[in-house]
Amino acid sequence: MKILYYDCFCGISGDMNLAALIDLGVPKEYLIQELSKLNLDSEYEIKVEGSVKLGITGTRVDVILKNSTHSSDQALHVEHNHEHSHHHSDNDQHCSENNHNHEHSHEEHVHNHEHHHRNLKDIEKIINSGDLNDKVKKLSLDMFMKVAEAEAKVHGKDIYEVHFHEVGAIDSIVDIVGAAICLDYLKVDKIIASPVQVGGGFVKCAHGLMPVPAPATVEILKNVPINVGIVQFETTTPTGAAILAANACEFTTNIDFSIKKIAYGIGHRDLEIPNVLRVYLGEKESTEEIEEQYILETNIDDMNPELYGYVEEKLFEAGALDVFKTPIFMKKGRPGTKLSVLVSEKSEKDVLGVVFEETTSIGVRKFKVEKIMLNREFSKVKTEYGDITIKKAYYKGKLVKYKAEYEECKAIAKEKNISINKVYKEVYKQDIK
């Protein structure tokens, strides 16, 4: 089993996450090419370079907003004149101001923008209209929703009333969609993180001094173990928090896997400790993994059967791992359907919300189950239609089965105007080892 582990001893931010995953092996050209599918190239550029922080070598990422002027004297943020100092450094000070998402930098660059905003619907439209694959779109929207929900709660707004400054929105889009692209490329089976260092002290905002962690950050990190005060500085931003909250299934200091590769994302601010994000790529030696999950089930005999397809889609969107329906006979001989949903502890609440809001059910049964999974890995095979990802499963160290990724085969079939079965046959005639 392939594992990605986030060691957040100095927190996490969007740009440090991108830097760490590039340092781990995601090609920067691939990231930039995929991000270009959002059609926002005219608004930013990405600079990737090697860097060192207190003797630790790694990768640094800068998202530079275009149409900017630079000043070596000062960084300006004049709210009344709608001028914003913003050279992207996600691990520098953050403060939520009046429903706006700001991440300010001590890099001395000045950007003059008209005070435009993008709300969540605008960002959803940008992501959904891009030519990204469905998994990247879903991961991106899940992370953005974490930020929007937190900002909305902090400011007492509806999530679709939350606005992001234009520059803040571009930063967030690059960081969050970039994270989804990198995670999709790595094809790991499990993402784990350490407790998250959030820093300490206060940060100066338009409203005055705000405590660290910022309200939005701590809202996102509810139910996540955190450490505080290692430095008097904000080490974890809302974007970084959302990346972990939406993707990590476990937070622990227990590393029970073999570390195969170590990488570092270098932060921008100089601190008393190394301002870096360390990530491990590891493998679990056991052939099988046992994971605790839950079955939620309910018997339904009074709902229009046409609605089950819609309900199933909503359940998967909420995080269901599997959904299945069983024909049953209920009391007095009434035909019905047993709806069963496999969930993790993390997604249980959201899934229950769908069941109660979208079906006629007024109660569910819950069972703890153990899911035993074969060790899996992803690789690419070359075909006459291009490279296609396959998922391979191993038992006692031996390859016992493999399958092509459906979404990739579907995309090729549509693009080439051929049968999807023809694409599958092309994969299965390759010599898979």
Protein backbone atom coordinates (compact mmCIF):
# COMPACT_ATOMS: atom_id res chain seq x y z
CA MET A 1 0.00 0.00 0.00
CA LYS A 2 1.31 3.42 -1.03
CA ILE A 3 1.11 6.06 1.73
CA LEU A 4 1.62 9.84 1.72
CA TYR A 5 2.48 11.23 5.17
CA TYR A 6 2.47 14.94 6.06
CA ASP A 7 4.90 15.83 8.86
CA CYS A 8 3.52 19.25 9.89
CA PHE A 9 6.05 20.17 12.60
CA CYS A 10 6.03 23.74 11.23
CA GLY A 11 2.50 23.74 9.89
CA ILE A 12 1.29 23.71 6.31
CA SER A 13 0.29 26.23 3.67
CA GLY A 14 -0.85 25.99 0.07
CA ASP A 15 2.43 26.98 -1.57
CA MET A 16 4.49 24.79 0.78
CA ASN A 17 2.23 21.84 -0.06
CA LEU A 18 2.77 22.34 -3.81
CA ALA A 19 6.52 22.69 -3.23
CA ALA A 20 6.68 19.51 -1.12
CA LEU A 21 4.75 17.41 -3.64
CA ILE A 22 6.88 18.68 -6.53
CA ASP A 23 9.97 17.85 -4.45
CA LEU A 24 8.46 14.40 -3.93
CA GLY A 25 8.30 13.76 -7.66
CA VAL A 26 5.33 15.48 -9.29
CA PRO A 27 6.79 17.09 -12.45
CA LYS A 28 6.41 20.86 -12.33
CA GLU A 29 5.66 20.83 -16.08
CA TYR A 30 2.75 18.46 -15.46
CA LEU A 31 1.33 20.66 -12.69
CA ILE A 32 1.59 23.82 -14.82
CA GLN A 33 0.07 22.07 -17.85
CA GLU A 34 -2.90 20.77 -15.85
CA LEU A 35 -3.47 24.13 -14.16
CA SER A 36 -3.58 25.76 -17.59
CA LYS A 37 -6.85 23.88 -18.20
CA LEU A 38 -8.51 26.41 -15.88
CA ASN A 39 -7.83 29.13 -18.48
CA LEU A 40 -6.46 31.55 -15.88
CA ASP A 41 -2.91 31.76 -17.25
CA SER A 42 -3.24 35.49 -17.89
CA GLU A 43 -3.65 36.16 -14.17
CA TYR A 44 -0.62 34.40 -12.65
CA GLU A 45 2.61 32.53 -13.25
CA ILE A 46 4.30 29.84 -11.17
CA LYS A 47 7.98 29.96 -10.22
CA VAL A 48 9.55 26.73 -8.95
CA GLU A 49 13.13 26.63 -7.68
CA GLY A 50 15.41 24.84 -5.27
CA SER A 51 15.81 26.52 -1.90
CA VAL A 52 17.40 26.04 1.52
CA LYS A 53 16.02 26.83 4.96
CA LEU A 54 18.32 26.44 8.00
CA GLY A 55 20.39 23.88 6.15
CA ILE A 56 17.46 21.84 4.80
CA THR A 57 17.32 21.64 1.01
CA GLY A 58 14.00 21.43 -0.78
CA THR A 59 11.72 23.11 -3.30
CA ARG A 60 10.10 26.53 -3.13
CA VAL A 61 7.03 27.62 -5.09
CA ASP A 62 5.95 31.20 -5.76
CA VAL A 63 2.62 32.04 -7.37
CA ILE A 64 3.21 35.46 -8.91
CA LEU A 65 0.21 37.53 -9.89
CA LYS A 66 0.58 39.29 -13.23
CA ASN A 67 -0.01 42.97 -14.03
CA SER A 68 1.81 43.96 -10.84
CA THR A 69 4.31 46.60 -9.87
CA HIS A 70 7.16 45.98 -7.45
CA SER A 71 8.53 48.07 -4.62
CA SER A 72 11.67 47.38 -2.65
CA ASP A 73 10.63 49.82 0.07
CA GLN A 74 7.35 48.59 1.43
CA ALA A 75 4.36 46.30 0.99
CA LEU A 76 1.12 48.23 0.71
CA HIS A 77 -2.34 47.15 1.66
CA VAL A 78 -4.72 50.11 1.42
CA GLU A 79 -8.24 48.83 1.86
CA HIS A 80 -9.89 52.20 1.25
CA ASN A 81 -8.07 52.73 -2.05
CA HIS A 82 -8.60 49.11 -3.09
CA GLU A 83 -4.87 48.53 -3.47
CA HIS A 84 -3.50 45.22 -2.27
CA SER A 85 -0.01 44.12 -1.55
CA HIS A 86 0.01 40.52 -2.59
CA HIS A 87 2.89 38.37 -3.68
CA HIS A 88 1.74 34.87 -2.93
CA SER A 89 3.27 33.37 0.17
CA ASP A 90 0.72 31.12 1.75
CA ASN A 91 2.78 30.57 4.89
CA ASP A 92 2.92 34.27 5.67
CA GLN A 93 0.33 36.08 7.74
CA HIS A 94 -3.30 35.32 7.07
CA CYS A 95 -6.39 37.07 8.30
CA SER A 96 -10.01 36.79 7.27
CA GLU A 97 -11.33 40.26 6.79
CA ASN A 98 -15.05 40.69 6.40
CA ASN A 99 -15.65 37.57 4.31
CA HIS A 100 -12.44 38.09 2.32
CA ASN A 101 -9.68 35.53 2.06
CA HIS A 102 -6.30 37.31 2.48
CA GLU A 103 -2.91 35.74 2.74
CA HIS A 104 -0.39 38.57 3.12
CA SER A 105 3.30 38.36 2.39
CA HIS A 106 6.41 39.94 3.82
CA GLU A 107 7.90 39.67 0.32
CA GLU A 108 8.09 43.26 -0.80
CA HIS A 109 5.89 43.26 -3.87
CA VAL A 110 2.98 45.57 -4.59
CA HIS A 111 -0.03 44.75 -6.74
CA ASN A 112 -2.60 47.28 -7.81
CA HIS A 113 -5.99 45.73 -8.58
CA GLU A 114 -9.48 47.00 -8.80
CA HIS A 115 -11.44 45.60 -5.89
CA HIS A 116 -13.19 42.72 -7.66
CA HIS A 117 -14.45 39.62 -5.91
CA ARG A 118 -15.18 36.01 -6.73
CA ASN A 119 -17.66 34.04 -4.72
CA LEU A 120 -17.90 30.27 -4.33
CA LYS A 121 -20.22 29.88 -7.31
CA ASP A 122 -17.69 31.72 -9.50
CA ILE A 123 -14.92 29.41 -8.33
CA GLU A 124 -17.08 26.30 -8.82
CA LYS A 125 -17.79 27.46 -12.38
CA ILE A 126 -14.08 27.96 -13.10
CA ILE A 127 -13.23 24.47 -11.81
CA ASN A 128 -16.15 22.66 -13.43
CA SER A 129 -15.72 24.33 -16.82
CA GLY A 130 -12.02 23.45 -17.00
CA ASP A 131 -10.83 20.33 -18.80
CA LEU A 132 -9.60 18.62 -15.62
CA ASN A 133 -10.51 15.03 -14.83
CA ASP A 134 -13.48 14.35 -12.57
CA LYS A 135 -11.39 13.26 -9.58
CA VAL A 136 -9.34 16.47 -9.61
CA LYS A 137 -12.52 18.55 -9.87
CA LYS A 138 -14.12 16.73 -6.92
CA LEU A 139 -11.02 16.99 -4.73
CA SER A 140 -10.70 20.70 -5.56
CA LEU A 141 -14.33 21.47 -4.76
CA ASP A 142 -14.16 19.47 -1.51
CA MET A 143 -11.19 21.55 -0.33
CA PHE A 144 -12.72 24.85 -1.40
CA MET A 145 -15.92 23.93 0.43
CA LYS A 146 -13.94 23.43 3.65
CA VAL A 147 -12.59 26.99 3.40
CA ALA A 148 -15.94 28.51 2.40
CA GLU A 149 -17.84 26.75 5.21
CA ALA A 150 -15.32 27.94 7.79
CA GLU A 151 -15.29 31.55 6.53
CA ALA A 152 -19.10 31.55 6.40
CA LYS A 153 -19.40 30.35 9.99
CA VAL A 154 -16.81 32.82 11.29
CA HIS A 155 -18.52 35.77 9.60
CA GLY A 156 -22.13 34.62 10.04
CA LYS A 157 -22.77 34.35 6.30
CA ASP A 158 -24.18 31.77 3.91
CA ILE A 159 -21.39 29.90 2.11
CA TYR A 160 -22.42 31.44 -1.21
CA GLU A 161 -22.27 34.92 0.32
CA VAL A 162 -18.59 34.48 1.14
CA HIS A 163 -16.43 36.45 -1.27
CA PHE A 164 -12.74 36.13 -1.99
CA HIS A 165 -10.64 39.07 -3.06
CA GLU A 166 -9.66 38.61 -6.70
CA VAL A 167 -6.01 38.05 -5.82
CA GLY A 168 -6.91 35.81 -2.90
CA ALA A 169 -9.18 33.74 -5.11
CA ILE A 170 -6.44 33.21 -7.70
CA ASP A 171 -4.00 32.13 -4.98
CA SER A 172 -6.55 29.77 -3.49
CA ILE A 173 -7.48 28.30 -6.88
CA VAL A 174 -3.84 27.62 -7.76
CA ASP A 175 -3.06 26.15 -4.33
CA ILE A 176 -6.18 24.01 -4.02
CA VAL A 177 -6.57 22.80 -7.61
CA GLY A 178 -2.78 22.33 -7.70
CA ALA A 179 -3.00 20.15 -4.59
CA ALA A 180 -5.73 18.03 -6.21
CA ILE A 181 -3.65 17.65 -9.40
CA CYS A 182 -0.58 16.55 -7.43
CA LEU A 183 -2.48 14.10 -5.22
CA ASP A 184 -4.18 12.60 -8.28
CA TYR A 185 -0.78 12.22 -9.98
CA LEU A 186 0.78 10.45 -6.97
CA LYS A 187 -2.04 7.86 -6.85
CA VAL A 188 -1.49 7.04 -3.18
CA ASP A 189 -3.78 4.65 -1.35
CA LYS A 190 -3.82 6.53 1.94
CA ILE A 191 -2.99 10.03 3.19
CA ILE A 192 -1.94 10.45 6.83
CA ALA A 193 -0.73 13.50 8.74
CA SER A 194 0.91 14.34 12.04
CA PRO A 195 -0.81 16.67 14.52
CA VAL A 196 -0.72 20.12 12.93
CA GLN A 197 1.45 22.93 14.31
CA VAL A 198 -0.52 26.17 14.01
CA GLY A 199 1.91 28.63 15.62
CA GLY A 200 0.98 31.31 18.12
CA GLY A 201 0.74 34.97 18.95
CA PHE A 202 -1.41 37.50 17.14
CA VAL A 203 -1.71 38.78 13.59
CA LYS A 204 -2.68 42.33 12.68
CA CYS A 205 -5.80 42.64 10.51
CA ALA A 206 -8.25 45.33 9.47
CA HIS A 207 -10.33 44.47 12.56
CA GLY A 208 -7.30 44.78 14.85
CA LEU A 209 -5.23 42.03 16.43
CA MET A 210 -6.52 38.51 15.80
CA PRO A 211 -5.32 35.39 17.63
CA VAL A 212 -3.32 32.64 15.96
CA PRO A 213 -4.63 30.27 14.73
CA ALA A 214 -6.93 32.50 12.71
CA PRO A 215 -10.65 31.78 13.31
CA ALA A 216 -11.13 30.19 9.88
CA THR A 217 -8.09 27.94 10.35
CA VAL A 218 -9.19 26.58 13.70
CA GLU A 219 -12.73 26.08 12.37
CA ILE A 220 -11.39 23.93 9.52
CA LEU A 221 -9.23 21.95 11.95
CA LYS A 222 -12.07 20.95 14.27
CA ASN A 223 -11.61 17.28 15.31
CA VAL A 224 -7.98 17.41 14.12
CA PRO A 225 -5.15 17.27 16.73
CA ILE A 226 -3.09 20.47 16.74
CA ASN A 227 0.03 21.80 18.46
CA VAL A 228 0.41 25.49 19.27
CA GLY A 229 3.05 28.09 20.07
CA ILE A 230 6.28 26.64 18.70
CA VAL A 231 6.83 30.10 17.18
CA GLN A 232 4.94 33.38 17.55
CA PHE A 233 3.77 33.30 13.98
CA GLU A 234 0.94 31.78 11.94
CA THR A 235 2.37 28.53 10.59
CA THR A 236 -0.84 26.98 9.22
CA THR A 237 -3.18 28.86 6.89
CA PRO A 238 -6.82 28.05 6.06
CA THR A 239 -5.75 26.72 2.66
CA GLY A 240 -3.20 24.38 4.24
CA ALA A 241 -5.72 23.30 6.86
CA ALA A 242 -8.32 22.55 4.18
CA ILE A 243 -5.87 20.39 2.21
CA LEU A 244 -5.37 18.19 5.27
CA ALA A 245 -8.97 18.22 6.50
CA ALA A 246 -10.34 17.12 3.12
CA ASN A 247 -7.74 14.46 2.31
CA ALA A 248 -6.07 12.98 5.40
CA CYS A 249 -7.91 9.99 6.85
CA GLU A 250 -5.79 9.79 10.01
CA PHE A 251 -3.70 12.10 12.19
CA THR A 252 -0.97 10.32 14.12
CA THR A 253 2.72 10.37 15.05
CA ASN A 254 2.87 6.60 14.55
CA ILE A 255 4.75 5.83 11.34
CA ASP A 256 4.07 2.13 10.74
CA PHE A 257 5.23 2.03 7.13
CA SER A 258 8.56 1.92 5.31
CA ILE A 259 9.70 5.38 4.20
CA LYS A 260 10.78 5.24 0.56
CA LYS A 261 11.18 8.94 -0.20
CA ILE A 262 11.40 12.20 1.78
CA ALA A 263 10.73 15.67 0.39
CA TYR A 264 10.61 19.24 1.65
CA GLY A 265 8.47 22.23 0.72
CA ILE A 266 10.32 25.40 1.69
CA GLY A 267 8.40 28.29 3.27
CA HIS A 268 9.13 31.96 2.67
CA ARG A 269 9.44 33.38 6.18
CA ASP A 270 12.63 32.90 8.24
CA LEU A 271 11.78 31.47 11.67
CA GLU A 272 13.72 30.10 14.64
CA ILE A 273 12.90 26.59 13.42
CA PRO A 274 13.08 25.28 9.83
CA ASN A 275 10.06 26.75 8.04
CA VAL A 276 9.47 23.67 5.90
CA LEU A 277 6.79 21.09 5.25
CA ARG A 278 8.19 17.55 5.25
CA VAL A 279 6.37 14.76 3.43
CA TYR A 280 7.10 11.05 3.26
CA LEU A 281 6.16 8.62 0.52
CA GLY A 282 5.99 5.18 2.06
CA GLU A 283 4.83 1.62 1.62
CA LYS A 284 3.15 -0.66 4.09
CA GLU A 285 4.79 -4.06 4.13
CA SER A 286 1.68 -6.11 4.93
CA THR A 287 -0.05 -7.68 1.97
CA GLU A 288 -3.47 -6.81 3.27
CA GLU A 289 -4.81 -3.82 5.12
CA ILE A 290 -7.59 -4.03 7.67
CA GLU A 291 -9.57 -0.83 8.03
CA GLU A 292 -12.52 -0.10 10.30
CA GLN A 293 -15.57 1.22 8.46
CA TYR A 294 -19.33 1.36 9.02
CA ILE A 295 -22.42 0.10 7.24
CA LEU A 296 -25.45 2.39 7.43
CA GLU A 297 -28.65 0.74 6.23
CA THR A 298 -32.33 1.54 6.11
CA ASN A 299 -35.47 -0.18 4.78
CA ILE A 300 -37.61 1.94 2.44
CA ASP A 301 -41.03 1.05 0.99
CA ASP A 302 -42.62 4.43 0.29
CA MET A 303 -40.21 6.23 -2.06
CA ASN A 304 -40.36 6.70 -5.84
CA PRO A 305 -37.76 4.21 -7.21
CA GLU A 306 -36.70 6.77 -9.83
CA LEU A 307 -35.06 8.77 -7.05
CA TYR A 308 -32.50 6.09 -6.11
CA GLY A 309 -30.10 7.09 -8.89
CA TYR A 310 -30.06 10.69 -7.69
CA VAL A 311 -29.69 9.62 -4.04
CA GLU A 312 -26.77 7.36 -4.94
CA GLU A 313 -24.94 10.25 -6.66
CA LYS A 314 -25.47 12.46 -3.61
CA LEU A 315 -24.21 9.74 -1.28
CA PHE A 316 -20.96 9.33 -3.22
CA GLU A 317 -20.51 13.11 -3.29
CA ALA A 318 -20.89 13.09 0.51
CA GLY A 319 -18.07 10.55 0.86
CA ALA A 320 -19.77 7.15 0.71
CA LEU A 321 -17.30 4.38 -0.14
CA ASP A 322 -19.99 2.10 -1.59
CA VAL A 323 -23.76 2.17 -2.07
CA PHE A 324 -25.95 -0.85 -2.81
CA LYS A 325 -29.66 -1.68 -2.85
CA THR A 326 -31.31 -4.98 -2.00
CA PRO A 327 -34.94 -5.92 -2.86
CA ILE A 328 -36.75 -7.04 0.32
CA PHE A 329 -40.26 -7.84 1.55
CA MET A 330 -41.36 -5.85 4.56
CA LYS A 331 -44.26 -6.29 6.97
CA LYS A 332 -47.69 -7.07 5.50
CA GLY A 333 -45.96 -8.36 2.36
CA ARG A 334 -45.00 -4.90 1.12
CA PRO A 335 -42.07 -4.90 -1.35
CA GLY A 336 -39.27 -2.56 -0.35
CA THR A 337 -35.61 -1.72 -0.79
CA LYS A 338 -32.80 -2.02 1.75
CA LEU A 339 -30.40 0.87 1.12
CA SER A 340 -26.90 0.09 2.40
CA VAL A 341 -24.05 2.59 2.52
CA LEU A 342 -20.41 1.86 3.39
CA VAL A 343 -18.76 4.86 5.08
CA SER A 344 -15.67 5.89 7.00
CA GLU A 345 -16.01 7.62 10.35
CA LYS A 346 -14.96 10.87 8.66
CA SER A 347 -17.85 10.89 6.16
CA GLU A 348 -20.58 9.35 8.35
CA LYS A 349 -22.22 12.65 9.32
CA ASP A 350 -22.43 13.95 5.74
CA VAL A 351 -23.80 10.63 4.47
CA LEU A 352 -26.47 10.53 7.18
CA GLY A 353 -27.50 14.02 6.12
CA VAL A 354 -28.14 12.80 2.58
CA VAL A 355 -30.13 9.77 3.77
CA PHE A 356 -32.40 11.86 5.98
CA GLU A 357 -32.80 14.81 3.61
CA GLU A 358 -33.12 12.98 0.28
CA THR A 359 -35.00 9.76 1.15
CA THR A 360 -38.18 8.93 3.07
CA SER A 361 -36.16 7.11 5.77
CA ILE A 362 -36.72 8.18 9.39
CA GLY A 363 -34.03 5.94 10.89
CA VAL A 364 -30.92 3.90 10.04
CA ARG A 365 -29.02 0.96 11.48
CA LYS A 366 -25.26 1.26 11.98
CA PHE A 367 -22.75 -1.61 12.05
CA LYS A 368 -19.00 -1.48 12.52
CA VAL A 369 -17.24 -3.66 9.94
CA GLU A 370 -13.64 -4.49 9.08
CA LYS A 371 -12.64 -4.07 5.45
CA ILE A 372 -9.74 -6.25 4.34
CA MET A 373 -7.97 -4.90 1.25
CA LEU A 374 -5.22 -6.25 -0.93
CA ASN A 375 -2.07 -4.19 -1.33
CA ARG A 376 -2.54 -1.94 -4.37
CA GLU A 377 -0.39 0.18 -6.60
CA PHE A 378 -0.93 2.30 -9.69
CA SER A 379 1.19 2.34 -12.83
CA LYS A 380 0.96 3.41 -16.45
CA VAL A 381 0.88 1.15 -19.51
CA LYS A 382 1.65 2.34 -23.02
CA THR A 383 -1.02 1.63 -25.64
CA GLU A 384 -1.66 2.82 -29.17
CA TYR A 385 -4.13 5.30 -27.63
CA GLY A 386 -1.59 6.73 -25.17
CA ASP A 387 -0.60 5.98 -21.56
CA ILE A 388 -3.41 4.54 -19.41
CA THR A 389 -3.37 4.10 -15.63
CA ILE A 390 -3.97 0.62 -14.22
CA LYS A 391 -4.59 -0.41 -10.62
CA LYS A 392 -2.75 -3.59 -9.63
CA ALA A 393 -3.63 -5.77 -6.63
CA TYR A 394 -1.16 -8.08 -4.85
CA TYR A 395 -1.70 -11.06 -2.59
CA LYS A 396 1.28 -12.45 -0.64
CA GLY A 397 3.52 -10.30 -2.79
CA LYS A 398 2.18 -11.71 -6.07
CA LEU A 399 0.22 -9.75 -8.68
CA VAL A 400 -3.21 -11.42 -8.76
CA LYS A 401 -5.34 -8.93 -10.72
CA TYR A 402 -5.36 -5.55 -12.35
CA LYS A 403 -7.82 -3.21 -14.04
CA ALA A 404 -7.70 -0.11 -16.18
CA GLU A 405 -8.96 3.19 -14.75
CA TYR A 406 -12.47 3.66 -16.10
CA GLU A 407 -12.43 7.47 -16.34
CA GLU A 408 -9.28 7.45 -18.50
CA CYS A 409 -10.67 4.76 -20.80
CA LYS A 410 -13.95 6.66 -21.12
CA ALA A 411 -12.13 9.90 -21.99
CA ILE A 412 -10.06 8.15 -24.67
CA ALA A 413 -13.12 6.43 -26.14
CA LYS A 414 -14.90 9.77 -26.45
CA GLU A 415 -11.87 11.57 -27.85
CA LYS A 416 -11.11 8.85 -30.44
CA ASN A 417 -14.80 8.10 -31.10
CA ILE A 418 -14.26 4.38 -30.55
CA SER A 419 -15.85 1.72 -28.36
CA ILE A 420 -14.69 1.76 -24.74
CA ASN A 421 -14.34 -2.03 -24.99
CA LYS A 422 -11.72 -1.49 -27.67
CA VAL A 423 -9.72 0.67 -25.24
CA TYR A 424 -9.97 -1.97 -22.50
CA LYS A 425 -8.85 -4.71 -24.91
CA GLU A 426 -5.84 -2.64 -25.88
CA VAL A 427 -4.85 -2.40 -22.20
CA TYR A 428 -5.33 -6.08 -21.45
CA LYS A 429 -3.22 -7.26 -24.38
CA GLN A 430 -0.19 -5.51 -22.85
CA ASP A 431 2.36 -7.47 -20.86
CA ILE A 432 1.58 -6.42 -17.27
CA LYS A 433 4.14 -7.21 -14.58
